[in-house]
Amino acid sequence: MGSVKDYFSSLGSGIVSLVKGMQVTGKEFVTPKITEKYPEDRDTVKVPERFRAILELKYDADGRHKCIACGICERNCPNGTISLTTKMVDTADGKKKRKLDKYMYDLGSCTFCQLCVTSCPQNALEFSNDFEQAVFTRDKLVKKLNYLPEVEEPAPSPEELARIQAEREAKIAAAKAAAAAKKAAAEGAGAASAPKTDNNN
């Protein structure tokens, strides 16, 4: 008799549990869906601005970026994701200047830690939220960030060239004057330390 009672008791608890489960299922069945229908809704999907998808160089309206090829981002990257190639160019004032040649970025090894962005002294980097970066081979994940043709620096005006030449001549004159003063001081010190001869003998 006890086994029959236990049977119906467990049957009743099972039915109660089933009804509770069906209540949850029915509630979710009529609840509006929030699942994204990607890629059907590609044109209307809203990606948060703070979402980090891929590193980019910031370009202005004239096609110039702010990167000075200092290499801080490359040194701070924990995975070696960034690789910079630089070149030396001559400036209008006759000096040498380091410029960016290639900015290579491996999206496949990036951890999106943003150390490169926060440590950049020129604020030349940012993460975009363009998450559609799927490719068939890993080598396509290596991207050149300075993809735009390099914009030539504007030629200095005659006034600027004259100013640069005047500054250069002023520096040369100052260096010559300093060298002459140093030589004169050395000769004066040598003359003062020379032994005096006795004229009585």
N, C-alpha and C. Protein backbone atom coordinates (compact mmCIF):
# COMPACT_ATOMS: atom_id res chain seq x y z
N MET A 1 0.84 -1.20 0.00
CA MET A 1 0.00 0.00 0.00
C MET A 1 0.88 1.25 0.00
N GLY A 2 2.00 1.14 0.74
CA GLY A 2 2.90 2.29 0.81
C GLY A 2 3.52 2.60 -0.53
N SER A 3 3.82 1.56 -1.32
CA SER A 3 4.46 1.79 -2.61
C SER A 3 3.52 2.50 -3.58
N VAL A 4 2.23 2.18 -3.51
CA VAL A 4 1.25 2.85 -4.37
C VAL A 4 1.14 4.33 -3.99
N LYS A 5 1.18 4.56 -2.68
CA LYS A 5 1.10 5.96 -2.20
C LYS A 5 2.33 6.74 -2.65
N ASP A 6 3.50 6.12 -2.55
CA ASP A 6 4.73 6.78 -2.99
C ASP A 6 4.69 7.03 -4.50
N TYR A 7 4.11 6.11 -5.23
CA TYR A 7 4.02 6.26 -6.68
C TYR A 7 3.20 7.48 -7.07
N PHE A 8 1.98 7.59 -6.48
CA PHE A 8 1.12 8.72 -6.80
C PHE A 8 1.69 10.04 -6.27
N SER A 9 2.41 9.98 -5.16
CA SER A 9 3.03 11.19 -4.61
C SER A 9 4.13 11.70 -5.55
N SER A 10 4.95 10.80 -6.02
CA SER A 10 6.00 11.22 -6.95
C SER A 10 5.41 11.65 -8.28
N LEU A 11 4.30 10.99 -8.69
CA LEU A 11 3.65 11.39 -9.93
C LEU A 11 3.09 12.80 -9.82
N GLY A 12 2.49 13.11 -8.66
CA GLY A 12 1.94 14.45 -8.45
C GLY A 12 3.02 15.51 -8.43
N SER A 13 4.14 15.22 -7.76
CA SER A 13 5.24 16.20 -7.73
C SER A 13 5.84 16.39 -9.12
N GLY A 14 5.87 15.33 -9.92
CA GLY A 14 6.38 15.45 -11.29
C GLY A 14 5.48 16.32 -12.14
N ILE A 15 4.15 16.15 -11.96
CA ILE A 15 3.21 16.97 -12.73
C ILE A 15 3.33 18.44 -12.33
N VAL A 16 3.47 18.71 -11.02
CA VAL A 16 3.64 20.09 -10.54
C VAL A 16 4.90 20.71 -11.14
N SER A 17 5.99 19.93 -11.13
CA SER A 17 7.24 20.41 -11.70
C SER A 17 7.10 20.68 -13.21
N LEU A 18 6.38 19.82 -13.91
CA LEU A 18 6.16 20.00 -15.35
C LEU A 18 5.36 21.27 -15.62
N VAL A 19 4.34 21.51 -14.80
CA VAL A 19 3.51 22.71 -14.98
C VAL A 19 4.33 23.97 -14.75
N LYS A 20 5.20 23.95 -13.71
CA LYS A 20 6.06 25.11 -13.45
C LYS A 20 7.01 25.36 -14.62
N GLY A 21 7.56 24.29 -15.14
CA GLY A 21 8.46 24.43 -16.29
C GLY A 21 7.74 24.97 -17.51
N MET A 22 6.51 24.50 -17.76
CA MET A 22 5.74 24.98 -18.89
C MET A 22 5.36 26.45 -18.73
N GLN A 23 5.15 26.88 -17.47
CA GLN A 23 4.86 28.29 -17.23
C GLN A 23 6.05 29.17 -17.65
N VAL A 24 7.27 28.73 -17.27
CA VAL A 24 8.47 29.49 -17.65
C VAL A 24 8.63 29.48 -19.17
N THR A 25 8.41 28.31 -19.79
CA THR A 25 8.54 28.21 -21.25
C THR A 25 7.51 29.09 -21.96
N GLY A 26 6.27 29.06 -21.45
CA GLY A 26 5.22 29.88 -22.07
C GLY A 26 5.50 31.36 -21.93
N LYS A 27 6.05 31.76 -20.78
CA LYS A 27 6.39 33.17 -20.58
C LYS A 27 7.48 33.61 -21.55
N GLU A 28 8.52 32.79 -21.71
CA GLU A 28 9.59 33.13 -22.64
C GLU A 28 9.11 33.07 -24.09
N PHE A 29 8.11 32.26 -24.36
CA PHE A 29 7.60 32.11 -25.72
C PHE A 29 6.95 33.40 -26.23
N VAL A 30 6.29 34.10 -25.29
CA VAL A 30 5.59 35.33 -25.69
C VAL A 30 6.43 36.59 -25.42
N THR A 31 7.63 36.43 -24.82
CA THR A 31 8.49 37.58 -24.56
C THR A 31 9.14 38.04 -25.86
N PRO A 32 9.23 39.38 -26.13
CA PRO A 32 9.88 39.85 -27.36
C PRO A 32 11.33 39.39 -27.43
N LYS A 33 11.77 38.96 -28.59
CA LYS A 33 13.11 38.41 -28.77
C LYS A 33 14.13 39.54 -28.90
N ILE A 34 15.33 39.32 -28.33
CA ILE A 34 16.41 40.29 -28.40
C ILE A 34 17.62 39.72 -29.16
N THR A 35 17.49 38.55 -29.70
CA THR A 35 18.59 37.96 -30.45
C THR A 35 18.84 38.74 -31.73
N GLU A 36 20.11 39.07 -31.99
CA GLU A 36 20.46 39.79 -33.20
C GLU A 36 20.35 38.86 -34.41
N LYS A 37 19.73 39.33 -35.46
CA LYS A 37 19.57 38.52 -36.67
C LYS A 37 20.70 38.83 -37.65
N TYR A 38 21.93 38.61 -37.17
CA TYR A 38 23.09 38.88 -38.01
C TYR A 38 23.30 37.72 -38.97
N PRO A 39 23.59 37.93 -40.24
CA PRO A 39 23.93 39.22 -40.88
C PRO A 39 22.76 39.92 -41.55
N GLU A 40 21.52 39.43 -41.34
CA GLU A 40 20.38 40.08 -41.99
C GLU A 40 20.23 41.54 -41.56
N ASP A 41 20.53 41.83 -40.28
CA ASP A 41 20.38 43.21 -39.79
C ASP A 41 21.71 43.95 -39.76
N ARG A 42 22.61 43.64 -40.68
CA ARG A 42 23.93 44.25 -40.71
C ARG A 42 23.85 45.78 -40.83
N ASP A 43 22.89 46.28 -41.57
CA ASP A 43 22.79 47.72 -41.80
C ASP A 43 22.22 48.47 -40.61
N THR A 44 21.52 47.77 -39.73
CA THR A 44 20.87 48.45 -38.60
C THR A 44 21.43 48.06 -37.25
N VAL A 45 22.37 47.10 -37.21
CA VAL A 45 22.89 46.65 -35.91
C VAL A 45 23.67 47.78 -35.25
N LYS A 46 23.51 47.93 -33.95
CA LYS A 46 24.15 48.98 -33.17
C LYS A 46 25.29 48.37 -32.37
N VAL A 47 26.50 48.74 -32.70
CA VAL A 47 27.68 48.26 -31.97
C VAL A 47 28.12 49.35 -31.00
N PRO A 48 28.33 49.02 -29.72
CA PRO A 48 28.74 50.06 -28.76
C PRO A 48 30.04 50.74 -29.18
N GLU A 49 30.14 52.03 -28.92
CA GLU A 49 31.32 52.79 -29.30
C GLU A 49 32.57 52.29 -28.59
N ARG A 50 32.43 51.79 -27.37
CA ARG A 50 33.60 51.36 -26.60
C ARG A 50 34.06 49.95 -26.99
N PHE A 51 33.36 49.30 -27.89
CA PHE A 51 33.75 47.97 -28.33
C PHE A 51 35.05 48.05 -29.13
N ARG A 52 36.03 47.23 -28.77
CA ARG A 52 37.34 47.25 -29.44
C ARG A 52 37.38 46.13 -30.46
N ALA A 53 37.54 46.49 -31.73
CA ALA A 53 37.53 45.49 -32.79
C ALA A 53 38.85 45.43 -33.53
N ILE A 54 39.40 46.58 -33.94
CA ILE A 54 40.64 46.60 -34.70
C ILE A 54 41.34 47.94 -34.49
N LEU A 55 42.67 47.89 -34.42
CA LEU A 55 43.47 49.09 -34.22
C LEU A 55 43.58 49.87 -35.52
N GLU A 56 43.54 51.20 -35.42
CA GLU A 56 43.63 52.05 -36.59
C GLU A 56 44.48 53.27 -36.29
N LEU A 57 45.12 53.80 -37.33
CA LEU A 57 45.77 55.11 -37.23
C LEU A 57 44.74 56.20 -37.50
N LYS A 58 44.82 57.27 -36.75
CA LYS A 58 43.91 58.39 -36.97
C LYS A 58 44.42 59.25 -38.11
N TYR A 59 43.59 59.42 -39.13
CA TYR A 59 43.92 60.28 -40.27
C TYR A 59 43.06 61.53 -40.22
N ASP A 60 43.66 62.67 -40.59
CA ASP A 60 42.87 63.90 -40.66
C ASP A 60 42.28 64.04 -42.06
N ALA A 61 41.63 65.17 -42.30
CA ALA A 61 40.95 65.39 -43.57
C ALA A 61 41.93 65.48 -44.74
N ASP A 62 43.19 65.84 -44.46
CA ASP A 62 44.19 65.96 -45.53
C ASP A 62 44.94 64.65 -45.78
N GLY A 63 44.56 63.58 -45.08
CA GLY A 63 45.23 62.29 -45.28
C GLY A 63 46.53 62.14 -44.53
N ARG A 64 46.70 62.90 -43.44
CA ARG A 64 47.91 62.81 -42.62
C ARG A 64 47.58 62.16 -41.29
N HIS A 65 48.52 61.39 -40.78
CA HIS A 65 48.39 60.81 -39.45
C HIS A 65 49.39 61.47 -38.50
N LYS A 66 49.22 61.26 -37.21
CA LYS A 66 50.06 61.91 -36.21
C LYS A 66 51.24 61.06 -35.76
N CYS A 67 51.37 59.86 -36.28
CA CYS A 67 52.41 58.96 -35.81
C CYS A 67 53.79 59.53 -36.14
N ILE A 68 54.67 59.57 -35.12
CA ILE A 68 56.04 60.07 -35.31
C ILE A 68 57.04 58.93 -35.26
N ALA A 69 56.57 57.69 -35.27
CA ALA A 69 57.43 56.49 -35.29
C ALA A 69 58.35 56.44 -34.08
N CYS A 70 57.84 56.81 -32.91
CA CYS A 70 58.66 56.77 -31.69
C CYS A 70 58.85 55.34 -31.18
N GLY A 71 57.92 54.43 -31.51
CA GLY A 71 58.06 53.04 -31.12
C GLY A 71 57.54 52.69 -29.74
N ILE A 72 56.90 53.62 -29.05
CA ILE A 72 56.40 53.34 -27.71
C ILE A 72 55.32 52.27 -27.73
N CYS A 73 54.44 52.34 -28.72
CA CYS A 73 53.37 51.33 -28.82
C CYS A 73 53.95 49.95 -29.08
N GLU A 74 54.98 49.88 -29.90
CA GLU A 74 55.62 48.60 -30.21
C GLU A 74 56.26 47.99 -28.97
N ARG A 75 56.91 48.83 -28.15
CA ARG A 75 57.56 48.33 -26.93
C ARG A 75 56.55 47.95 -25.87
N ASN A 76 55.41 48.62 -25.80
CA ASN A 76 54.43 48.35 -24.76
C ASN A 76 53.52 47.18 -25.10
N CYS A 77 53.47 46.75 -26.35
CA CYS A 77 52.57 45.65 -26.74
C CYS A 77 53.04 44.35 -26.10
N PRO A 78 52.21 43.68 -25.30
CA PRO A 78 52.64 42.45 -24.62
C PRO A 78 52.79 41.25 -25.54
N ASN A 79 52.19 41.27 -26.72
CA ASN A 79 52.21 40.11 -27.62
C ASN A 79 53.06 40.32 -28.86
N GLY A 80 53.71 41.45 -29.00
CA GLY A 80 54.45 41.71 -30.22
C GLY A 80 53.55 41.87 -31.42
N THR A 81 52.36 42.40 -31.19
CA THR A 81 51.37 42.56 -32.26
C THR A 81 51.76 43.67 -33.23
N ILE A 82 52.50 44.66 -32.75
CA ILE A 82 52.83 45.84 -33.56
C ILE A 82 54.29 45.77 -33.98
N SER A 83 54.53 46.10 -35.24
CA SER A 83 55.89 46.14 -35.77
C SER A 83 56.04 47.40 -36.63
N LEU A 84 57.00 48.24 -36.27
CA LEU A 84 57.22 49.50 -36.98
C LEU A 84 58.49 49.43 -37.82
N THR A 85 58.43 49.97 -39.01
CA THR A 85 59.60 50.17 -39.86
C THR A 85 59.72 51.67 -40.12
N THR A 86 60.89 52.22 -39.83
CA THR A 86 61.08 53.66 -39.96
C THR A 86 62.12 53.97 -41.03
N LYS A 87 62.18 55.24 -41.39
CA LYS A 87 63.17 55.71 -42.36
C LYS A 87 63.61 57.11 -41.94
N MET A 88 64.81 57.49 -42.37
CA MET A 88 65.33 58.82 -42.07
C MET A 88 65.21 59.69 -43.33
N VAL A 89 64.70 60.89 -43.15
CA VAL A 89 64.53 61.82 -44.27
C VAL A 89 65.18 63.15 -43.90
N ASP A 90 65.51 63.92 -44.92
CA ASP A 90 66.09 65.25 -44.74
C ASP A 90 64.97 66.28 -44.70
N THR A 91 65.04 67.17 -43.72
CA THR A 91 64.05 68.23 -43.61
C THR A 91 64.55 69.48 -44.34
N ALA A 92 63.68 70.48 -44.41
CA ALA A 92 64.02 71.70 -45.14
C ALA A 92 65.16 72.47 -44.49
N ASP A 93 65.32 72.31 -43.16
CA ASP A 93 66.39 73.03 -42.47
C ASP A 93 67.69 72.24 -42.43
N GLY A 94 67.77 71.15 -43.22
CA GLY A 94 69.01 70.39 -43.31
C GLY A 94 69.22 69.36 -42.24
N LYS A 95 68.22 69.10 -41.42
CA LYS A 95 68.34 68.12 -40.35
C LYS A 95 67.78 66.77 -40.80
N LYS A 96 68.08 65.75 -40.00
CA LYS A 96 67.55 64.42 -40.24
C LYS A 96 66.32 64.21 -39.36
N LYS A 97 65.32 63.52 -39.90
CA LYS A 97 64.09 63.28 -39.16
C LYS A 97 63.63 61.85 -39.40
N ARG A 98 63.23 61.19 -38.31
CA ARG A 98 62.70 59.83 -38.44
C ARG A 98 61.23 59.88 -38.82
N LYS A 99 60.85 59.09 -39.82
CA LYS A 99 59.46 59.04 -40.27
C LYS A 99 59.00 57.59 -40.35
N LEU A 100 57.68 57.42 -40.28
CA LEU A 100 57.09 56.09 -40.36
C LEU A 100 57.11 55.59 -41.80
N ASP A 101 57.60 54.36 -41.96
CA ASP A 101 57.59 53.73 -43.28
C ASP A 101 56.46 52.70 -43.36
N LYS A 102 56.43 51.76 -42.41
CA LYS A 102 55.36 50.76 -42.37
C LYS A 102 54.91 50.55 -40.92
N TYR A 103 53.61 50.56 -40.72
CA TYR A 103 53.02 50.26 -39.42
C TYR A 103 52.22 48.96 -39.58
N MET A 104 52.83 47.83 -39.16
CA MET A 104 52.21 46.52 -39.32
C MET A 104 51.54 46.11 -38.01
N TYR A 105 50.33 45.58 -38.13
CA TYR A 105 49.50 45.21 -36.97
C TYR A 105 48.90 43.84 -37.22
N ASP A 106 49.14 42.90 -36.28
CA ASP A 106 48.63 41.53 -36.39
C ASP A 106 47.38 41.40 -35.53
N LEU A 107 46.23 41.47 -36.18
CA LEU A 107 44.96 41.38 -35.47
C LEU A 107 44.79 40.01 -34.81
N GLY A 108 45.39 38.96 -35.39
CA GLY A 108 45.21 37.62 -34.85
C GLY A 108 45.85 37.41 -33.49
N SER A 109 46.85 38.21 -33.14
CA SER A 109 47.50 38.06 -31.83
C SER A 109 47.18 39.19 -30.87
N CYS A 110 46.34 40.13 -31.29
CA CYS A 110 45.99 41.28 -30.45
C CYS A 110 45.04 40.85 -29.33
N THR A 111 45.32 41.31 -28.10
CA THR A 111 44.45 41.04 -26.96
C THR A 111 43.54 42.23 -26.63
N PHE A 112 43.62 43.30 -27.43
CA PHE A 112 42.76 44.48 -27.28
C PHE A 112 42.92 45.11 -25.89
N CYS A 113 44.14 45.07 -25.37
CA CYS A 113 44.40 45.62 -24.04
C CYS A 113 44.43 47.14 -24.06
N GLN A 114 44.65 47.74 -25.22
CA GLN A 114 44.65 49.19 -25.45
C GLN A 114 45.86 49.89 -24.83
N LEU A 115 46.91 49.14 -24.51
CA LEU A 115 48.12 49.78 -24.00
C LEU A 115 48.76 50.67 -25.06
N CYS A 116 48.66 50.27 -26.33
CA CYS A 116 49.23 51.08 -27.40
C CYS A 116 48.51 52.42 -27.51
N VAL A 117 47.21 52.41 -27.34
CA VAL A 117 46.42 53.64 -27.48
C VAL A 117 46.69 54.59 -26.32
N THR A 118 46.70 54.05 -25.11
CA THR A 118 46.86 54.90 -23.93
C THR A 118 48.28 55.42 -23.77
N SER A 119 49.27 54.72 -24.33
CA SER A 119 50.66 55.16 -24.17
C SER A 119 51.15 56.02 -25.32
N CYS A 120 50.36 56.18 -26.37
CA CYS A 120 50.81 56.96 -27.53
C CYS A 120 50.90 58.45 -27.16
N PRO A 121 52.07 59.07 -27.27
CA PRO A 121 52.19 60.48 -26.87
C PRO A 121 51.53 61.43 -27.85
N GLN A 122 51.25 60.98 -29.07
CA GLN A 122 50.67 61.84 -30.10
C GLN A 122 49.17 61.62 -30.27
N ASN A 123 48.60 60.69 -29.51
CA ASN A 123 47.18 60.35 -29.66
C ASN A 123 46.87 59.98 -31.11
N ALA A 124 47.72 59.11 -31.67
CA ALA A 124 47.62 58.77 -33.09
C ALA A 124 46.88 57.47 -33.35
N LEU A 125 46.50 56.74 -32.29
CA LEU A 125 45.88 55.43 -32.45
C LEU A 125 44.51 55.40 -31.80
N GLU A 126 43.67 54.51 -32.32
CA GLU A 126 42.36 54.28 -31.73
C GLU A 126 41.87 52.90 -32.14
N PHE A 127 40.94 52.35 -31.36
CA PHE A 127 40.28 51.10 -31.71
C PHE A 127 38.92 51.42 -32.31
N SER A 128 38.66 50.88 -33.49
CA SER A 128 37.33 51.04 -34.09
C SER A 128 36.45 49.88 -33.62
N ASN A 129 35.15 50.00 -33.86
CA ASN A 129 34.22 48.93 -33.48
C ASN A 129 33.75 48.14 -34.69
N ASP A 130 34.55 48.13 -35.75
CA ASP A 130 34.23 47.34 -36.95
C ASP A 130 34.62 45.89 -36.69
N PHE A 131 33.66 45.09 -36.26
CA PHE A 131 33.95 43.73 -35.83
C PHE A 131 33.99 42.72 -36.98
N GLU A 132 33.63 43.11 -38.17
CA GLU A 132 33.61 42.17 -39.29
C GLU A 132 35.01 42.01 -39.86
N GLN A 133 35.81 41.17 -39.23
CA GLN A 133 37.19 40.97 -39.62
C GLN A 133 37.50 39.50 -39.91
N ALA A 134 36.49 38.69 -40.18
CA ALA A 134 36.70 37.27 -40.44
C ALA A 134 37.38 37.06 -41.78
N VAL A 135 38.41 36.21 -41.78
CA VAL A 135 39.15 35.88 -43.01
C VAL A 135 39.40 34.38 -43.02
N PHE A 136 39.88 33.87 -44.16
CA PHE A 136 40.10 32.44 -44.30
C PHE A 136 41.51 32.02 -43.90
N THR A 137 42.48 32.92 -43.99
CA THR A 137 43.86 32.59 -43.63
C THR A 137 44.39 33.62 -42.64
N ARG A 138 45.30 33.18 -41.75
CA ARG A 138 45.81 34.05 -40.70
C ARG A 138 46.67 35.18 -41.24
N ASP A 139 47.33 34.96 -42.37
CA ASP A 139 48.20 36.02 -42.89
C ASP A 139 47.41 37.25 -43.32
N LYS A 140 46.12 37.09 -43.58
CA LYS A 140 45.30 38.24 -43.94
C LYS A 140 44.92 39.09 -42.72
N LEU A 141 45.20 38.57 -41.53
CA LEU A 141 44.96 39.34 -40.32
C LEU A 141 46.08 40.34 -40.04
N VAL A 142 47.19 40.20 -40.73
CA VAL A 142 48.28 41.16 -40.60
C VAL A 142 48.00 42.33 -41.53
N LYS A 143 47.82 43.50 -40.96
CA LYS A 143 47.37 44.66 -41.72
C LYS A 143 48.40 45.79 -41.63
N LYS A 144 48.51 46.54 -42.72
CA LYS A 144 49.34 47.75 -42.73
C LYS A 144 48.44 48.93 -42.42
N LEU A 145 48.69 49.58 -41.27
CA LEU A 145 47.78 50.63 -40.82
C LEU A 145 47.99 51.95 -41.56
N ASN A 146 49.21 52.23 -42.00
CA ASN A 146 49.42 53.47 -42.79
C ASN A 146 49.21 53.14 -44.26
N TYR A 147 47.95 52.88 -44.59
CA TYR A 147 47.58 52.41 -45.92
C TYR A 147 47.44 53.55 -46.94
N LEU A 148 47.25 54.76 -46.47
CA LEU A 148 47.10 55.88 -47.41
C LEU A 148 48.46 56.32 -47.93
N PRO A 149 48.53 56.82 -49.16
CA PRO A 149 49.81 57.34 -49.68
C PRO A 149 50.31 58.48 -48.80
N GLU A 150 51.61 58.52 -48.62
CA GLU A 150 52.20 59.54 -47.77
C GLU A 150 52.06 60.92 -48.40
N VAL A 151 51.56 61.85 -47.62
CA VAL A 151 51.38 63.23 -48.10
C VAL A 151 52.70 63.97 -47.96
N GLU A 152 53.13 64.60 -49.05
CA GLU A 152 54.38 65.34 -49.03
C GLU A 152 54.25 66.57 -48.13
N GLU A 153 55.33 66.85 -47.42
CA GLU A 153 55.35 68.04 -46.58
C GLU A 153 55.35 69.28 -47.47
N PRO A 154 54.62 70.32 -47.09
CA PRO A 154 54.61 71.55 -47.91
C PRO A 154 56.00 72.19 -47.97
N ALA A 155 56.36 72.67 -49.14
CA ALA A 155 57.67 73.30 -49.31
C ALA A 155 57.73 74.60 -48.51
N PRO A 156 58.84 74.84 -47.84
CA PRO A 156 58.94 76.09 -47.06
C PRO A 156 58.95 77.32 -47.96
N SER A 157 58.39 78.38 -47.47
CA SER A 157 58.34 79.63 -48.21
C SER A 157 59.72 80.29 -48.20
N PRO A 158 59.95 81.25 -49.10
CA PRO A 158 61.25 81.96 -49.10
C PRO A 158 61.56 82.61 -47.75
N GLU A 159 60.53 83.12 -47.08
CA GLU A 159 60.75 83.73 -45.77
C GLU A 159 61.24 82.69 -44.76
N GLU A 160 60.63 81.50 -44.81
CA GLU A 160 61.05 80.45 -43.89
C GLU A 160 62.47 79.99 -44.20
N LEU A 161 62.79 79.85 -45.50
CA LEU A 161 64.14 79.46 -45.87
C LEU A 161 65.16 80.49 -45.39
N ALA A 162 64.82 81.78 -45.53
CA ALA A 162 65.72 82.84 -45.07
C ALA A 162 65.89 82.78 -43.56
N ARG A 163 64.79 82.52 -42.85
CA ARG A 163 64.88 82.43 -41.39
C ARG A 163 65.74 81.24 -40.97
N ILE A 164 65.55 80.10 -41.64
CA ILE A 164 66.34 78.91 -41.31
C ILE A 164 67.82 79.16 -41.57
N GLN A 165 68.13 79.82 -42.71
CA GLN A 165 69.52 80.13 -43.04
C GLN A 165 70.12 81.10 -42.02
N ALA A 166 69.32 82.09 -41.61
CA ALA A 166 69.82 83.05 -40.62
C ALA A 166 70.08 82.36 -39.28
N GLU A 167 69.19 81.46 -38.87
CA GLU A 167 69.40 80.73 -37.61
C GLU A 167 70.64 79.85 -37.70
N ARG A 168 70.84 79.22 -38.86
CA ARG A 168 72.01 78.37 -39.03
C ARG A 168 73.29 79.19 -38.95
N GLU A 169 73.33 80.35 -39.63
CA GLU A 169 74.51 81.21 -39.58
C GLU A 169 74.76 81.75 -38.18
N ALA A 170 73.67 82.05 -37.45
CA ALA A 170 73.82 82.55 -36.09
C ALA A 170 74.42 81.47 -35.19
N LYS A 171 74.01 80.23 -35.36
CA LYS A 171 74.56 79.14 -34.57
C LYS A 171 76.03 78.92 -34.89
N ILE A 172 76.37 79.00 -36.18
CA ILE A 172 77.78 78.83 -36.57
C ILE A 172 78.63 79.94 -35.97
N ALA A 173 78.13 81.19 -36.05
CA ALA A 173 78.87 82.32 -35.49
C ALA A 173 79.03 82.17 -33.98
N ALA A 174 77.99 81.74 -33.31
CA ALA A 174 78.07 81.56 -31.86
C ALA A 174 79.07 80.46 -31.50
N ALA A 175 79.07 79.38 -32.28
CA ALA A 175 80.02 78.30 -32.02
C ALA A 175 81.46 78.76 -32.24
N LYS A 176 81.70 79.55 -33.31
CA LYS A 176 83.04 80.07 -33.57
C LYS A 176 83.48 81.02 -32.45
N ALA A 177 82.55 81.87 -31.99
CA ALA A 177 82.88 82.79 -30.91
C ALA A 177 83.21 82.03 -29.62
N ALA A 178 82.45 81.00 -29.33
CA ALA A 178 82.71 80.20 -28.13
C ALA A 178 84.05 79.50 -28.23
N ALA A 179 84.38 78.98 -29.44
CA ALA A 179 85.66 78.31 -29.62
C ALA A 179 86.82 79.30 -29.48
N ALA A 180 86.66 80.52 -30.04
CA ALA A 180 87.71 81.52 -29.93
C ALA A 180 87.92 81.95 -28.48
N ALA A 181 86.81 82.12 -27.75
CA ALA A 181 86.92 82.51 -26.34
C ALA A 181 87.60 81.41 -25.52
N LYS A 182 87.30 80.17 -25.84
CA LYS A 182 87.91 79.06 -25.12
C LYS A 182 89.42 78.99 -25.42
N LYS A 183 89.78 79.23 -26.68
CA LYS A 183 91.19 79.21 -27.07
C LYS A 183 91.95 80.34 -26.39
N ALA A 184 91.31 81.53 -26.37
CA ALA A 184 91.96 82.67 -25.72
C ALA A 184 92.14 82.43 -24.23
N ALA A 185 91.14 81.82 -23.59
CA ALA A 185 91.25 81.53 -22.17
C ALA A 185 92.36 80.51 -21.90
N ALA A 186 92.47 79.52 -22.79
CA ALA A 186 93.53 78.53 -22.62
C ALA A 186 94.91 79.15 -22.81
N GLU A 187 95.06 80.04 -23.80
CA GLU A 187 96.34 80.70 -24.01
C GLU A 187 96.68 81.61 -22.84
N GLY A 188 95.68 82.31 -22.30
CA GLY A 188 95.93 83.18 -21.14
C GLY A 188 96.34 82.37 -19.92
N ALA A 189 95.71 81.23 -19.71
CA ALA A 189 96.08 80.38 -18.58
C ALA A 189 97.48 79.82 -18.77
N GLY A 190 97.85 79.49 -20.02
CA GLY A 190 99.20 78.98 -20.28
C GLY A 190 100.26 80.02 -20.04
N ALA A 191 99.97 81.26 -20.44
CA ALA A 191 100.94 82.34 -20.23
C ALA A 191 101.12 82.64 -18.76
N ALA A 192 100.03 82.57 -18.00
CA ALA A 192 100.11 82.87 -16.57
C ALA A 192 100.88 81.80 -15.82
N SER A 193 100.82 80.56 -16.28
CA SER A 193 101.49 79.47 -15.57
C SER A 193 102.92 79.25 -16.03
N ALA A 194 103.38 79.99 -17.06
CA ALA A 194 104.76 79.82 -17.56
C ALA A 194 105.74 80.36 -16.54
N PRO A 195 106.90 79.69 -16.30
CA PRO A 195 107.89 80.18 -15.29
C PRO A 195 108.55 81.48 -15.75
N LYS A 196 108.83 82.38 -14.78
CA LYS A 196 109.46 83.66 -15.09
C LYS A 196 110.98 83.51 -15.05
N THR A 197 111.66 84.15 -16.01
CA THR A 197 113.13 84.08 -16.06
C THR A 197 113.76 85.20 -15.24
N ASP A 198 114.93 84.94 -14.65
CA ASP A 198 115.64 85.93 -13.83
C ASP A 198 116.56 86.74 -14.73
N ASN A 199 116.31 88.05 -14.86
CA ASN A 199 117.10 88.89 -15.76
C ASN A 199 118.44 89.33 -15.14
N ASN A 200 118.64 89.12 -13.82
CA ASN A 200 119.87 89.56 -13.16
C ASN A 200 121.06 88.65 -13.52
N ASN A 201 120.77 87.43 -13.91
CA ASN A 201 121.87 86.50 -14.20
C ASN A 201 122.18 86.52 -15.68
